[in-house]
Amino acid sequence: MDRELVIMANERRDEVWAKRTERTFREWIESNGSDYTIRSLECRRTLCAVEISSTTTGETAKAWSYAFWRKANLLPAFGGRSPKIFGFEKDAEGAKVVVGVYLFQRRP
């Protein structure tokens, strides 16, 4: 994923599209009343990267990510070949937390 994040970092930011997409993302998370937390979210001209944590399973998080990108009119970045990173942590109470990093791209 490092190569893909470097490509994104070199993109200029389209303020109108990026702000709208980031807002849509945050509103969607909040409106679903889920236990997802956005740790990091940034959109540029054509790419968005998001890091999300949740106490749901990795498969649930994966299904959720696909539902979101369809709603936000995005595509999986790099023709769907963009790596998605999943990891596991423990919260303060010792519960398992799933962490995912996703890259999306603007529809042409």
PDB file of N, CA and C in Angstrom:
ATOM      1  N   MET A   1       0.816  -1.192   0.000  1.00  0.00           N
ATOM      2  CA  MET A   1       0.000   0.000   0.000  1.00  0.00           C
ATOM      3  C   MET A   1       0.857   1.253   0.000  1.00  0.00           C
ATOM      4  N   ASP A   2       2.126   1.143   0.331  1.00  0.00           N
ATOM      5  CA  ASP A   2       2.989   2.328   0.364  1.00  0.00           C
ATOM      6  C   ASP A   2       3.036   3.045  -0.983  1.00  0.00           C
ATOM      7  N   ARG A   3       3.168   2.278  -2.056  1.00  0.00           N
ATOM      8  CA  ARG A   3       3.242   2.881  -3.402  1.00  0.00           C
ATOM      9  C   ARG A   3       1.971   3.665  -3.707  1.00  0.00           C
ATOM     10  N   GLU A   4       0.829   3.084  -3.375  1.00  0.00           N
ATOM     11  CA  GLU A   4      -0.450   3.736  -3.645  1.00  0.00           C
ATOM     12  C   GLU A   4      -0.615   5.013  -2.817  1.00  0.00           C
ATOM     13  N   LEU A   5      -0.165   4.986  -1.563  1.00  0.00           N
ATOM     14  CA  LEU A   5      -0.268   6.176  -0.720  1.00  0.00           C
ATOM     15  C   LEU A   5       0.664   7.290  -1.197  1.00  0.00           C
ATOM     16  N   VAL A   6       1.808   6.932  -1.775  1.00  0.00           N
ATOM     17  CA  VAL A   6       2.712   7.935  -2.348  1.00  0.00           C
ATOM     18  C   VAL A   6       2.042   8.596  -3.549  1.00  0.00           C
ATOM     19  N   ILE A   7       1.387   7.788  -4.391  1.00  0.00           N
ATOM     20  CA  ILE A   7       0.668   8.346  -5.540  1.00  0.00           C
ATOM     21  C   ILE A   7      -0.388   9.329  -5.053  1.00  0.00           C
ATOM     22  N   MET A   8      -1.133   8.941  -4.030  1.00  0.00           N
ATOM     23  CA  MET A   8      -2.156   9.832  -3.493  1.00  0.00           C
ATOM     24  C   MET A   8      -1.539  11.105  -2.916  1.00  0.00           C
ATOM     25  N   ALA A   9      -0.456  10.974  -2.177  1.00  0.00           N
ATOM     26  CA  ALA A   9       0.192  12.138  -1.551  1.00  0.00           C
ATOM     27  C   ALA A   9       0.662  13.148  -2.592  1.00  0.00           C
ATOM     28  N   ASN A  10       0.960  12.685  -3.794  1.00  0.00           N
ATOM     29  CA  ASN A  10       1.427  13.586  -4.849  1.00  0.00           C
ATOM     30  C   ASN A  10       0.283  14.247  -5.622  1.00  0.00           C
ATOM     31  N   GLU A  11      -0.950  13.851  -5.347  1.00  0.00           N
ATOM     32  CA  GLU A  11      -2.094  14.489  -6.010  1.00  0.00           C
ATOM     33  C   GLU A  11      -2.396  15.844  -5.369  1.00  0.00           C
ATOM     34  N   ARG A  12      -2.810  16.770  -6.217  1.00  0.00           N
ATOM     35  CA  ARG A  12      -3.343  18.020  -5.686  1.00  0.00           C
ATOM     36  C   ARG A  12      -4.721  17.733  -5.103  1.00  0.00           C
ATOM     37  N   ARG A  13      -5.204  18.603  -4.261  1.00  0.00           N
ATOM     38  CA  ARG A  13      -6.522  18.422  -3.642  1.00  0.00           C
ATOM     39  C   ARG A  13      -7.557  19.213  -4.430  1.00  0.00           C
ATOM     40  N   ASP A  14      -8.628  18.549  -4.814  1.00  0.00           N
ATOM     41  CA  ASP A  14      -9.797  19.207  -5.399  1.00  0.00           C
ATOM     42  C   ASP A  14     -10.691  19.551  -4.214  1.00  0.00           C
ATOM     43  N   GLU A  15     -10.618  20.773  -3.744  1.00  0.00           N
ATOM     44  CA  GLU A  15     -11.297  21.168  -2.500  1.00  0.00           C
ATOM     45  C   GLU A  15     -12.791  20.871  -2.516  1.00  0.00           C
ATOM     46  N   VAL A  16     -13.454  21.166  -3.608  1.00  0.00           N
ATOM     47  CA  VAL A  16     -14.904  20.968  -3.659  1.00  0.00           C
ATOM     48  C   VAL A  16     -15.251  19.488  -3.554  1.00  0.00           C
ATOM     49  N   TRP A  17     -14.659  18.681  -4.418  1.00  0.00           N
ATOM     50  CA  TRP A  17     -14.965  17.251  -4.418  1.00  0.00           C
ATOM     51  C   TRP A  17     -14.484  16.582  -3.135  1.00  0.00           C
ATOM     52  N   ALA A  18     -13.277  16.910  -2.700  1.00  0.00           N
ATOM     53  CA  ALA A  18     -12.712  16.263  -1.514  1.00  0.00           C
ATOM     54  C   ALA A  18     -13.541  16.568  -0.265  1.00  0.00           C
ATOM     55  N   LYS A  19     -13.890  17.826  -0.073  1.00  0.00           N
ATOM     56  CA  LYS A  19     -14.697  18.185   1.103  1.00  0.00           C
ATOM     57  C   LYS A  19     -16.064  17.511   1.075  1.00  0.00           C
ATOM     58  N   ARG A  20     -16.701  17.491  -0.103  1.00  0.00           N
ATOM     59  CA  ARG A  20     -18.012  16.866  -0.234  1.00  0.00           C
ATOM     60  C   ARG A  20     -17.927  15.363   0.054  1.00  0.00           C
ATOM     61  N   THR A  21     -16.916  14.710  -0.477  1.00  0.00           N
ATOM     62  CA  THR A  21     -16.760  13.273  -0.282  1.00  0.00           C
ATOM     63  C   THR A  21     -16.443  12.953   1.177  1.00  0.00           C
ATOM     64  N   GLU A  22     -15.572  13.712   1.788  1.00  0.00           N
ATOM     65  CA  GLU A  22     -15.247  13.508   3.208  1.00  0.00           C
ATOM     66  C   GLU A  22     -16.483  13.720   4.082  1.00  0.00           C
ATOM     67  N   ARG A  23     -17.257  14.756   3.765  1.00  0.00           N
ATOM     68  CA  ARG A  23     -18.489  15.025   4.530  1.00  0.00           C
ATOM     69  C   ARG A  23     -19.484  13.864   4.363  1.00  0.00           C
ATOM     70  N   THR A  24     -19.650  13.388   3.130  1.00  0.00           N
ATOM     71  CA  THR A  24     -20.544  12.254   2.880  1.00  0.00           C
ATOM     72  C   THR A  24     -20.105  11.040   3.688  1.00  0.00           C
ATOM     73  N   PHE A  25     -18.826  10.802   3.702  1.00  0.00           N
ATOM     74  CA  PHE A  25     -18.277   9.667   4.438  1.00  0.00           C
ATOM     75  C   PHE A  25     -18.608   9.792   5.920  1.00  0.00           C
ATOM     76  N   ARG A  26     -18.313  10.941   6.515  1.00  0.00           N
ATOM     77  CA  ARG A  26     -18.567  11.146   7.949  1.00  0.00           C
ATOM     78  C   ARG A  26     -20.059  11.068   8.283  1.00  0.00           C
ATOM     79  N   GLU A  27     -20.902  11.676   7.457  1.00  0.00           N
ATOM     80  CA  GLU A  27     -22.350  11.631   7.700  1.00  0.00           C
ATOM     81  C   GLU A  27     -22.879  10.208   7.603  1.00  0.00           C
ATOM     82  N   TRP A  28     -22.346   9.435   6.660  1.00  0.00           N
ATOM     83  CA  TRP A  28     -22.804   8.061   6.497  1.00  0.00           C
ATOM     84  C   TRP A  28     -22.460   7.237   7.722  1.00  0.00           C
ATOM     85  N   ILE A  29     -21.258   7.415   8.229  1.00  0.00           N
ATOM     86  CA  ILE A  29     -20.850   6.696   9.444  1.00  0.00           C
ATOM     87  C   ILE A  29     -21.777   7.065  10.598  1.00  0.00           C
ATOM     88  N   GLU A  30     -21.998   8.358  10.806  1.00  0.00           N
ATOM     89  CA  GLU A  30     -22.822   8.828  11.924  1.00  0.00           C
ATOM     90  C   GLU A  30     -24.276   8.387  11.789  1.00  0.00           C
ATOM     91  N   SER A  31     -24.821   8.395  10.591  1.00  0.00           N
ATOM     92  CA  SER A  31     -26.232   8.068  10.401  1.00  0.00           C
ATOM     93  C   SER A  31     -26.522   6.587  10.577  1.00  0.00           C
ATOM     94  N   ASN A  32     -25.508   5.755  10.426  1.00  0.00           N
ATOM     95  CA  ASN A  32     -25.718   4.317  10.575  1.00  0.00           C
ATOM     96  C   ASN A  32     -25.646   3.856  12.018  1.00  0.00           C
ATOM     97  N   GLY A  33     -25.289   4.752  12.919  1.00  0.00           N
ATOM     98  CA  GLY A  33     -25.250   4.397  14.326  1.00  0.00           C
ATOM     99  C   GLY A  33     -24.359   3.205  14.614  1.00  0.00           C
ATOM    100  N   SER A  34     -23.354   3.035  13.800  1.00  0.00           N
ATOM    101  CA  SER A  34     -22.481   1.874  13.943  1.00  0.00           C
ATOM    102  C   SER A  34     -21.390   2.144  14.965  1.00  0.00           C
ATOM    103  N   ASP A  35     -20.616   1.117  15.212  1.00  0.00           N
ATOM    104  CA  ASP A  35     -19.497   1.286  16.130  1.00  0.00           C
ATOM    105  C   ASP A  35     -18.199   1.576  15.379  1.00  0.00           C
ATOM    106  N   TYR A  36     -18.300   2.040  14.146  1.00  0.00           N
ATOM    107  CA  TYR A  36     -17.119   2.400  13.379  1.00  0.00           C
ATOM    108  C   TYR A  36     -16.625   3.765  13.801  1.00  0.00           C
ATOM    109  N   THR A  37     -15.305   3.912  13.851  1.00  0.00           N
ATOM    110  CA  THR A  37     -14.685   5.192  14.154  1.00  0.00           C
ATOM    111  C   THR A  37     -13.713   5.509  13.037  1.00  0.00           C
ATOM    112  N   ILE A  38     -13.824   6.705  12.496  1.00  0.00           N
ATOM    113  CA  ILE A  38     -12.876   7.141  11.475  1.00  0.00           C
ATOM    114  C   ILE A  38     -11.649   7.668  12.203  1.00  0.00           C
ATOM    115  N   ARG A  39     -10.541   7.015  11.986  1.00  0.00           N
ATOM    116  CA  ARG A  39      -9.288   7.465  12.597  1.00  0.00           C
ATOM    117  C   ARG A  39      -8.597   8.492  11.717  1.00  0.00           C
ATOM    118  N   SER A  40      -8.718   8.308  10.434  1.00  0.00           N
ATOM    119  CA  SER A  40      -8.064   9.204   9.490  1.00  0.00           C
ATOM    120  C   SER A  40      -8.855   9.157   8.187  1.00  0.00           C
ATOM    121  N   LEU A  41      -9.037  10.318   7.569  1.00  0.00           N
ATOM    122  CA  LEU A  41      -9.766  10.399   6.300  1.00  0.00           C
ATOM    123  C   LEU A  41      -9.207  11.561   5.511  1.00  0.00           C
ATOM    124  N   GLU A  42      -8.805  11.282   4.278  1.00  0.00           N
ATOM    125  CA  GLU A  42      -8.304  12.342   3.423  1.00  0.00           C
ATOM    126  C   GLU A  42      -8.604  12.018   1.975  1.00  0.00           C
ATOM    127  N   CYS A  43      -9.150  13.005   1.285  1.00  0.00           N
ATOM    128  CA  CYS A  43      -9.378  12.891  -0.152  1.00  0.00           C
ATOM    129  C   CYS A  43      -8.531  13.938  -0.859  1.00  0.00           C
ATOM    130  N   ARG A  44      -8.130  13.629  -2.061  1.00  0.00           N
ATOM    131  CA  ARG A  44      -7.334  14.550  -2.882  1.00  0.00           C
ATOM    132  C   ARG A  44      -8.136  14.897  -4.137  1.00  0.00           C
ATOM    133  N   ARG A  45      -7.533  14.742  -5.304  1.00  0.00           N
ATOM    134  CA  ARG A  45      -8.232  15.057  -6.552  1.00  0.00           C
ATOM    135  C   ARG A  45      -9.032  13.867  -7.052  1.00  0.00           C
ATOM    136  N   THR A  46      -8.451  12.662  -6.962  1.00  0.00           N
ATOM    137  CA  THR A  46      -9.159  11.468  -7.437  1.00  0.00           C
ATOM    138  C   THR A  46      -9.155  10.333  -6.426  1.00  0.00           C
ATOM    139  N   LEU A  47      -8.357  10.434  -5.370  1.00  0.00           N
ATOM    140  CA  LEU A  47      -8.199   9.339  -4.416  1.00  0.00           C
ATOM    141  C   LEU A  47      -8.582   9.743  -3.003  1.00  0.00           C
ATOM    142  N   CYS A  48      -9.098   8.777  -2.256  1.00  0.00           N
ATOM    143  CA  CYS A  48      -9.403   8.956  -0.834  1.00  0.00           C
ATOM    144  C   CYS A  48      -8.787   7.794  -0.070  1.00  0.00           C
ATOM    145  N   ALA A  49      -8.222   8.098   1.083  1.00  0.00           N
ATOM    146  CA  ALA A  49      -7.715   7.064   1.983  1.00  0.00           C
ATOM    147  C   ALA A  49      -8.457   7.219   3.301  1.00  0.00           C
ATOM    148  N   VAL A  50      -8.869   6.092   3.864  1.00  0.00           N
ATOM    149  CA  VAL A  50      -9.575   6.127   5.140  1.00  0.00           C
ATOM    150  C   VAL A  50      -9.071   4.999   6.025  1.00  0.00           C
ATOM    151  N   GLU A  51      -8.860   5.327   7.289  1.00  0.00           N
ATOM    152  CA  GLU A  51      -8.530   4.321   8.293  1.00  0.00           C
ATOM    153  C   GLU A  51      -9.697   4.275   9.262  1.00  0.00           C
ATOM    154  N   ILE A  52     -10.242   3.082   9.454  1.00  0.00           N
ATOM    155  CA  ILE A  52     -11.437   2.886  10.273  1.00  0.00           C
ATOM    156  C   ILE A  52     -11.159   1.827  11.318  1.00  0.00           C
ATOM    157  N   SER A  53     -11.703   2.043  12.508  1.00  0.00           N
ATOM    158  CA  SER A  53     -11.624   0.992  13.529  1.00  0.00           C
ATOM    159  C   SER A  53     -13.044   0.618  13.934  1.00  0.00           C
ATOM    160  N   SER A  54     -13.186  -0.634  14.384  1.00  0.00           N
ATOM    161  CA  SER A  54     -14.498  -1.140  14.759  1.00  0.00           C
ATOM    162  C   SER A  54     -14.334  -2.372  15.633  1.00  0.00           C
ATOM    163  N   THR A  55     -15.355  -2.651  16.422  1.00  0.00           N
ATOM    164  CA  THR A  55     -15.345  -3.886  17.196  1.00  0.00           C
ATOM    165  C   THR A  55     -16.082  -4.998  16.456  1.00  0.00           C
ATOM    166  N   THR A  56     -16.553  -4.723  15.228  1.00  0.00           N
ATOM    167  CA  THR A  56     -17.184  -5.775  14.428  1.00  0.00           C
ATOM    168  C   THR A  56     -16.102  -6.614  13.775  1.00  0.00           C
ATOM    169  N   THR A  57     -16.488  -7.699  13.161  1.00  0.00           N
ATOM    170  CA  THR A  57     -15.511  -8.584  12.521  1.00  0.00           C
ATOM    171  C   THR A  57     -14.970  -7.976  11.238  1.00  0.00           C
ATOM    172  N   GLY A  58     -13.863  -8.503  10.778  1.00  0.00           N
ATOM    173  CA  GLY A  58     -13.264  -8.037   9.526  1.00  0.00           C
ATOM    174  C   GLY A  58     -14.193  -8.211   8.346  1.00  0.00           C
ATOM    175  N   GLU A  59     -14.950  -9.309   8.296  1.00  0.00           N
ATOM    176  CA  GLU A  59     -15.873  -9.532   7.178  1.00  0.00           C
ATOM    177  C   GLU A  59     -16.990  -8.496   7.180  1.00  0.00           C
ATOM    178  N   THR A  60     -17.472  -8.132   8.365  1.00  0.00           N
ATOM    179  CA  THR A  60     -18.498  -7.088   8.442  1.00  0.00           C
ATOM    180  C   THR A  60     -17.925  -5.765   7.970  1.00  0.00           C
ATOM    181  N   ALA A  61     -16.710  -5.459   8.382  1.00  0.00           N
ATOM    182  CA  ALA A  61     -16.062  -4.208   7.963  1.00  0.00           C
ATOM    183  C   ALA A  61     -15.869  -4.190   6.455  1.00  0.00           C
ATOM    184  N   LYS A  62     -15.514  -5.321   5.882  1.00  0.00           N
ATOM    185  CA  LYS A  62     -15.322  -5.406   4.432  1.00  0.00           C
ATOM    186  C   LYS A  62     -16.643  -5.158   3.707  1.00  0.00           C
ATOM    187  N   ALA A  63     -17.711  -5.783   4.152  1.00  0.00           N
ATOM    188  CA  ALA A  63     -19.031  -5.580   3.542  1.00  0.00           C
ATOM    189  C   ALA A  63     -19.462  -4.132   3.679  1.00  0.00           C
ATOM    190  N   TRP A  64     -19.190  -3.561   4.830  1.00  0.00           N
ATOM    191  CA  TRP A  64     -19.542  -2.163   5.065  1.00  0.00           C
ATOM    192  C   TRP A  64     -18.801  -1.255   4.098  1.00  0.00           C
ATOM    193  N   SER A  65     -17.519  -1.505   3.869  1.00  0.00           N
ATOM    194  CA  SER A  65     -16.744  -0.626   2.998  1.00  0.00           C
ATOM    195  C   SER A  65     -17.311  -0.623   1.587  1.00  0.00           C
ATOM    196  N   TYR A  66     -17.733  -1.785   1.095  1.00  0.00           N
ATOM    197  CA  TYR A  66     -18.313  -1.844  -0.245  1.00  0.00           C
ATOM    198  C   TYR A  66     -19.632  -1.088  -0.308  1.00  0.00           C
ATOM    199  N   ALA A  67     -20.441  -1.171   0.728  1.00  0.00           N
ATOM    200  CA  ALA A  67     -21.708  -0.427   0.768  1.00  0.00           C
ATOM    201  C   ALA A  67     -21.434   1.064   0.711  1.00  0.00           C
ATOM    202  N   PHE A  68     -20.408   1.501   1.435  1.00  0.00           N
ATOM    203  CA  PHE A  68     -20.107   2.935   1.432  1.00  0.00           C
ATOM    204  C   PHE A  68     -19.644   3.412   0.068  1.00  0.00           C
ATOM    205  N   TRP A  69     -18.673   2.736  -0.543  1.00  0.00           N
ATOM    206  CA  TRP A  69     -18.141   3.284  -1.786  1.00  0.00           C
ATOM    207  C   TRP A  69     -19.177   3.343  -2.868  1.00  0.00           C
ATOM    208  N   ARG A  70     -20.157   2.453  -2.832  1.00  0.00           N
ATOM    209  CA  ARG A  70     -21.252   2.560  -3.813  1.00  0.00           C
ATOM    210  C   ARG A  70     -22.078   3.812  -3.528  1.00  0.00           C
ATOM    211  N   LYS A  71     -22.378   4.065  -2.259  1.00  0.00           N
ATOM    212  CA  LYS A  71     -23.177   5.237  -1.895  1.00  0.00           C
ATOM    213  C   LYS A  71     -22.469   6.547  -2.244  1.00  0.00           C
ATOM    214  N   ALA A  72     -21.174   6.597  -2.024  1.00  0.00           N
ATOM    215  CA  ALA A  72     -20.411   7.822  -2.251  1.00  0.00           C
ATOM    216  C   ALA A  72     -19.951   7.983  -3.695  1.00  0.00           C
ATOM    217  N   ASN A  73     -20.372   7.064  -4.563  1.00  0.00           N
ATOM    218  CA  ASN A  73     -20.008   7.126  -5.981  1.00  0.00           C
ATOM    219  C   ASN A  73     -18.495   7.030  -6.179  1.00  0.00           C
ATOM    220  N   LEU A  74     -17.876   6.107  -5.439  1.00  0.00           N
ATOM    221  CA  LEU A  74     -16.451   5.848  -5.540  1.00  0.00           C
ATOM    222  C   LEU A  74     -16.222   4.440  -6.071  1.00  0.00           C
ATOM    223  N   LEU A  75     -14.997   4.164  -6.413  1.00  0.00           N
ATOM    224  CA  LEU A  75     -14.583   2.828  -6.844  1.00  0.00           C
ATOM    225  C   LEU A  75     -13.399   2.400  -5.991  1.00  0.00           C
ATOM    226  N   PRO A  76     -13.181   1.101  -5.847  1.00  0.00           N
ATOM    227  CA  PRO A  76     -11.942   0.671  -5.205  1.00  0.00           C
ATOM    228  C   PRO A  76     -10.771   1.207  -6.043  1.00  0.00           C
ATOM    229  N   ALA A  77      -9.764   1.737  -5.396  1.00  0.00           N
ATOM    230  CA  ALA A  77      -8.654   2.372  -6.110  1.00  0.00           C
ATOM    231  C   ALA A  77      -7.835   1.364  -6.897  1.00  0.00           C
ATOM    232  N   PHE A  78      -7.191   1.875  -7.929  1.00  0.00           N
ATOM    233  CA  PHE A  78      -6.260   1.111  -8.746  1.00  0.00           C
ATOM    234  C   PHE A  78      -6.916  -0.130  -9.347  1.00  0.00           C
ATOM    235  N   GLY A  79      -8.127   0.063  -9.858  1.00  0.00           N
ATOM    236  CA  GLY A  79      -8.839  -1.020 -10.531  1.00  0.00           C
ATOM    237  C   GLY A  79      -9.174  -2.184  -9.620  1.00  0.00           C
ATOM    238  N   GLY A  80      -9.334  -1.894  -8.335  1.00  0.00           N
ATOM    239  CA  GLY A  80      -9.662  -2.939  -7.375  1.00  0.00           C
ATOM    240  C   GLY A  80      -8.449  -3.717  -6.913  1.00  0.00           C
ATOM    241  N   ARG A  81      -7.292  -3.350  -7.425  1.00  0.00           N
ATOM    242  CA  ARG A  81      -6.064  -4.051  -7.044  1.00  0.00           C
ATOM    243  C   ARG A  81      -5.382  -3.385  -5.850  1.00  0.00           C
ATOM    244  N   SER A  82      -5.968  -2.289  -5.377  1.00  0.00           N
ATOM    245  CA  SER A  82      -5.369  -1.614  -4.229  1.00  0.00           C
ATOM    246  C   SER A  82      -5.446  -2.517  -3.005  1.00  0.00           C
ATOM    247  N   PRO A  83      -4.346  -2.673  -2.303  1.00  0.00           N
ATOM    248  CA  PRO A  83      -4.399  -3.515  -1.104  1.00  0.00           C
ATOM    249  C   PRO A  83      -5.267  -2.878  -0.033  1.00  0.00           C
ATOM    250  N   LYS A  84      -5.922  -3.712   0.702  1.00  0.00           N
ATOM    251  CA  LYS A  84      -6.679  -3.264   1.860  1.00  0.00           C
ATOM    252  C   LYS A  84      -5.969  -3.871   3.057  1.00  0.00           C
ATOM    253  N   ILE A  85      -5.710  -3.076   4.046  1.00  0.00           N
ATOM    254  CA  ILE A  85      -4.964  -3.564   5.201  1.00  0.00           C
ATOM    255  C   ILE A  85      -5.922  -3.753   6.360  1.00  0.00           C
ATOM    256  N   PHE A  86      -5.892  -4.922   6.968  1.00  0.00           N
ATOM    257  CA  PHE A  86      -6.656  -5.195   8.169  1.00  0.00           C
ATOM    258  C   PHE A  86      -5.687  -5.572   9.269  1.00  0.00           C
ATOM    259  N   GLY A  87      -5.959  -5.086  10.452  1.00  0.00           N
ATOM    260  CA  GLY A  87      -5.160  -5.452  11.607  1.00  0.00           C
ATOM    261  C   GLY A  87      -6.063  -5.553  12.816  1.00  0.00           C
ATOM    262  N   PHE A  88      -5.529  -6.038  13.900  1.00  0.00           N
ATOM    263  CA  PHE A  88      -6.302  -6.215  15.119  1.00  0.00           C
ATOM    264  C   PHE A  88      -5.560  -5.576  16.288  1.00  0.00           C
ATOM    265  N   GLU A  89      -6.327  -4.957  17.157  1.00  0.00           N
ATOM    266  CA  GLU A  89      -5.810  -4.342  18.365  1.00  0.00           C
ATOM    267  C   GLU A  89      -6.718  -4.730  19.517  1.00  0.00           C
ATOM    268  N   LYS A  90      -6.372  -4.301  20.697  1.00  0.00           N
ATOM    269  CA  LYS A  90      -7.232  -4.455  21.877  1.00  0.00           C
ATOM    270  C   LYS A  90      -7.571  -3.056  22.382  1.00  0.00           C
ATOM    271  N   ASP A  91      -8.838  -2.850  22.772  1.00  0.00           N
ATOM    272  CA  ASP A  91      -9.198  -1.560  23.348  1.00  0.00           C
ATOM    273  C   ASP A  91      -8.858  -1.562  24.840  1.00  0.00           C
ATOM    274  N   ALA A  92      -9.210  -0.481  25.531  1.00  0.00           N
ATOM    275  CA  ALA A  92      -8.865  -0.336  26.948  1.00  0.00           C
ATOM    276  C   ALA A  92      -9.452  -1.447  27.809  1.00  0.00           C
ATOM    277  N   GLU A  93     -10.591  -2.001  27.394  1.00  0.00           N
ATOM    278  CA  GLU A  93     -11.228  -3.089  28.144  1.00  0.00           C
ATOM    279  C   GLU A  93     -10.770  -4.470  27.684  1.00  0.00           C
ATOM    280  N   GLY A  94      -9.878  -4.515  26.717  1.00  0.00           N
ATOM    281  CA  GLY A  94      -9.368  -5.788  26.224  1.00  0.00           C
ATOM    282  C   GLY A  94     -10.162  -6.399  25.088  1.00  0.00           C
ATOM    283  N   ALA A  95     -11.178  -5.681  24.585  1.00  0.00           N
ATOM    284  CA  ALA A  95     -11.970  -6.198  23.466  1.00  0.00           C
ATOM    285  C   ALA A  95     -11.185  -6.056  22.163  1.00  0.00           C
ATOM    286  N   LYS A  96     -11.415  -6.992  21.251  1.00  0.00           N
ATOM    287  CA  LYS A  96     -10.738  -6.976  19.961  1.00  0.00           C
ATOM    288  C   LYS A  96     -11.295  -5.846  19.095  1.00  0.00           C
ATOM    289  N   VAL A  97     -10.402  -5.093  18.481  1.00  0.00           N
ATOM    290  CA  VAL A  97     -10.763  -3.999  17.585  1.00  0.00           C
ATOM    291  C   VAL A  97     -10.158  -4.310  16.222  1.00  0.00           C
ATOM    292  N   VAL A  98     -10.988  -4.212  15.181  1.00  0.00           N
ATOM    293  CA  VAL A  98     -10.534  -4.409  13.811  1.00  0.00           C
ATOM    294  C   VAL A  98     -10.181  -3.039  13.241  1.00  0.00           C
ATOM    295  N   VAL A  99      -9.024  -2.940  12.617  1.00  0.00           N
ATOM    296  CA  VAL A  99      -8.596  -1.697  11.989  1.00  0.00           C
ATOM    297  C   VAL A  99      -8.413  -1.972  10.504  1.00  0.00           C
ATOM    298  N   GLY A 100      -9.006  -1.126   9.674  1.00  0.00           N
ATOM    299  CA  GLY A 100      -8.889  -1.287   8.234  1.00  0.00           C
ATOM    300  C   GLY A 100      -8.458  -0.003   7.567  1.00  0.00           C
ATOM    301  N   VAL A 101      -7.646  -0.115   6.548  1.00  0.00           N
ATOM    302  CA  VAL A 101      -7.240   1.026   5.727  1.00  0.00           C
ATOM    303  C   VAL A 101      -7.688   0.725   4.307  1.00  0.00           C
ATOM    304  N   TYR A 102      -8.397   1.671   3.719  1.00  0.00           N
ATOM    305  CA  TYR A 102      -8.958   1.491   2.373  1.00  0.00           C
ATOM    306  C   TYR A 102      -8.559   2.665   1.499  1.00  0.00           C
ATOM    307  N   LEU A 103      -8.400   2.397   0.219  1.00  0.00           N
ATOM    308  CA  LEU A 103      -8.204   3.443  -0.779  1.00  0.00           C
ATOM    309  C   LEU A 103      -9.352   3.358  -1.777  1.00  0.00           C
ATOM    310  N   PHE A 104      -9.932   4.517  -2.063  1.00  0.00           N
ATOM    311  CA  PHE A 104     -11.006   4.614  -3.040  1.00  0.00           C
ATOM    312  C   PHE A 104     -10.621   5.646  -4.077  1.00  0.00           C
ATOM    313  N   GLN A 105     -11.248   5.548  -5.255  1.00  0.00           N
ATOM    314  CA  GLN A 105     -11.007   6.576  -6.271  1.00  0.00           C
ATOM    315  C   GLN A 105     -12.330   7.089  -6.803  1.00  0.00           C
ATOM    316  N   ARG A 106     -12.252   8.298  -7.283  1.00  0.00           N
ATOM    317  CA  ARG A 106     -13.394   8.986  -7.866  1.00  0.00           C
ATOM    318  C   ARG A 106     -13.814   8.274  -9.142  1.00  0.00           C
ATOM    319  N   ARG A 107     -15.127   8.183  -9.339  1.00  0.00           N
ATOM    320  CA  ARG A 107     -15.610   7.608 -10.611  1.00  0.00           C
ATOM    321  C   ARG A 107     -15.315   8.574 -11.735  1.00  0.00           C
ATOM    322  N   PRO A 108     -14.889   8.029 -12.874  1.00  0.00           N
ATOM    323  CA  PRO A 108     -14.592   8.925 -14.033  1.00  0.00           C
ATOM    324  C   PRO A 108     -15.859   9.576 -14.548  1.00  0.00           C
TER     325      PRO A 108
END
